[in-house]
């Protein structure tokens, strides 16, 4: 591996490990603040709550993530709500993942057809 590639890998490792530490601190803060977090998924948070309160929950989660980044790196990172909360009956949609989503559903359908046969 070239020196340039090694430097890029080490830089990426530093970024990824810092992001992971921010998520660790976020989960601790969210638990202490009794926020309804169900899971963290890579760099996203899955939470649940009454649809009437979801915008408040989302705001509280954003504040918690900002606090976590400030504690870890000394800077409040801006958050991206990726289009806002996903409400009952909706699902997250990302054009970049559409092909994978379709492929997974195609494979599931194929498996289910095999089981019925």
Protein backbone atom coordinates (compact mmCIF):
# COMPACT_ATOMS: atom_id res chain seq x y z
CA UNK A 1 0.00 0.00 0.00
CA UNK A 2 1.33 3.41 -0.92
CA UNK A 3 2.12 6.03 1.70
CA UNK A 4 -0.65 8.22 0.31
CA UNK A 5 -3.21 5.42 0.71
CA UNK A 6 -2.00 4.75 4.25
CA UNK A 7 -2.38 8.41 5.15
CA UNK A 8 -5.91 8.43 3.72
CA UNK A 9 -6.81 5.30 5.71
CA UNK A 10 -5.47 6.77 8.93
CA UNK A 11 -7.35 10.02 8.34
CA UNK A 12 -10.56 8.07 7.69
CA UNK A 13 -9.97 6.00 10.82
CA UNK A 14 -9.69 9.17 12.90
CA UNK A 15 -12.93 10.54 11.46
CA UNK A 16 -14.83 7.28 11.92
CA UNK A 17 -13.61 6.72 15.47
CA UNK A 18 -14.50 10.29 16.44
CA UNK A 19 -17.98 9.88 14.92
CA UNK A 20 -18.41 6.62 16.86
CA UNK A 21 -17.43 8.37 20.08
CA UNK A 22 -19.98 11.12 19.39
CA UNK A 23 -22.65 8.42 18.99
CA UNK A 24 -21.54 6.78 22.26
CA UNK A 25 -21.85 10.08 24.13
CA UNK A 26 -25.16 10.77 22.38
CA UNK A 27 -26.65 7.49 23.60
CA UNK A 28 -25.56 8.19 27.18
CA UNK A 29 -27.03 11.71 27.07
CA UNK A 30 -30.25 10.47 25.45
CA UNK A 31 -30.68 7.82 28.15
CA UNK A 32 -30.07 10.36 30.92
CA UNK A 33 -32.58 12.74 29.31
CA UNK A 34 -35.11 9.90 28.96
CA UNK A 35 -35.39 10.36 25.19
CA UNK A 36 -37.23 7.55 23.36
CA UNK A 37 -34.28 6.19 21.33
CA UNK A 38 -34.85 2.69 19.94
CA UNK A 39 -31.57 2.29 18.07
CA UNK A 40 -28.66 4.02 16.44
CA UNK A 41 -27.96 2.96 12.89
CA UNK A 42 -24.56 4.08 11.58
CA UNK A 43 -24.99 7.86 11.83
CA UNK A 44 -28.76 7.94 12.32
CA UNK A 45 -31.09 7.65 15.29
CA UNK A 46 -34.32 5.68 15.42
CA UNK A 47 -36.76 6.97 18.02
CA UNK A 48 -40.43 6.48 18.66
CA UNK A 49 -43.11 8.57 20.24
CA UNK A 50 -46.60 9.96 20.03
CA UNK A 51 -47.04 11.50 16.56
CA UNK A 52 -48.41 14.63 18.22
CA UNK A 53 -45.07 15.07 20.05
CA UNK A 54 -42.65 13.84 17.38
CA UNK A 55 -41.43 17.30 16.34
CA UNK A 56 -40.52 18.04 19.97
CA UNK A 57 -38.78 14.66 20.24
CA UNK A 58 -36.86 15.37 17.02
CA UNK A 59 -35.79 18.78 18.35
CA UNK A 60 -34.65 17.21 21.63
CA UNK A 61 -32.66 14.56 19.75
CA UNK A 62 -31.00 17.23 17.60
CA UNK A 63 -30.06 19.16 20.73
CA UNK A 64 -28.69 15.97 22.31
CA UNK A 65 -26.57 15.20 19.23
CA UNK A 66 -25.23 18.75 19.20
CA UNK A 67 -24.35 18.48 22.88
CA UNK A 68 -22.58 15.16 22.27
CA UNK A 69 -20.47 16.57 19.43
CA UNK A 70 -19.58 19.60 21.53
CA UNK A 71 -18.42 17.36 24.40
CA UNK A 72 -16.31 15.14 22.13
CA UNK A 73 -14.77 17.63 19.69
CA UNK A 74 -15.48 21.00 21.27
CA UNK A 75 -17.66 22.06 18.35
CA UNK A 76 -21.42 21.78 17.90
CA UNK A 77 -21.93 19.89 14.64
CA UNK A 78 -25.07 20.76 12.71
CA UNK A 79 -27.59 17.95 12.37
CA UNK A 80 -29.46 16.88 9.27
CA UNK A 81 -32.96 15.56 9.82
CA UNK A 82 -33.05 13.95 6.33
CA UNK A 83 -36.48 15.35 5.58
CA UNK A 84 -37.89 15.31 9.09
CA UNK A 85 -39.50 12.61 11.21
CA UNK A 86 -41.04 9.62 9.49
CA UNK A 87 -44.65 9.43 10.52
CA UNK A 88 -46.91 6.35 10.83
CA UNK A 89 -47.59 4.91 7.39
CA UNK A 90 -44.46 6.48 5.90
CA UNK A 91 -41.02 5.05 5.25
CA UNK A 92 -37.60 6.55 4.77
CA UNK A 93 -36.70 7.05 1.12
CA UNK A 94 -33.26 7.77 -0.29
CA UNK A 95 -32.65 7.73 -4.05
CA UNK A 96 -29.13 6.39 -3.47
CA UNK A 97 -30.57 3.30 -1.79
CA UNK A 98 -33.47 2.65 -4.16
CA UNK A 99 -31.71 -0.01 -6.22
CA UNK A 100 -30.64 -1.92 -3.10
CA UNK A 101 -34.14 -1.62 -1.60
CA UNK A 102 -35.66 -3.01 -4.80
CA UNK A 103 -33.12 -5.85 -4.97
CA UNK A 104 -33.73 -6.86 -1.34
CA UNK A 105 -37.50 -6.86 -1.86
CA UNK A 106 -37.08 -8.89 -5.05
CA UNK A 107 -35.01 -11.48 -3.17
CA UNK A 108 -37.53 -11.61 -0.31
CA UNK A 109 -40.38 -12.13 -2.79
CA UNK A 110 -38.41 -14.91 -4.49
CA UNK A 111 -37.75 -16.62 -1.15
CA UNK A 112 -41.41 -16.36 -0.14
CA UNK A 113 -42.52 -17.87 -3.49
CA UNK A 114 -40.14 -20.80 -2.91
CA UNK A 115 -41.54 -21.41 0.57
CA UNK A 116 -45.12 -21.46 -0.75
CA UNK A 117 -44.25 -23.86 -3.58
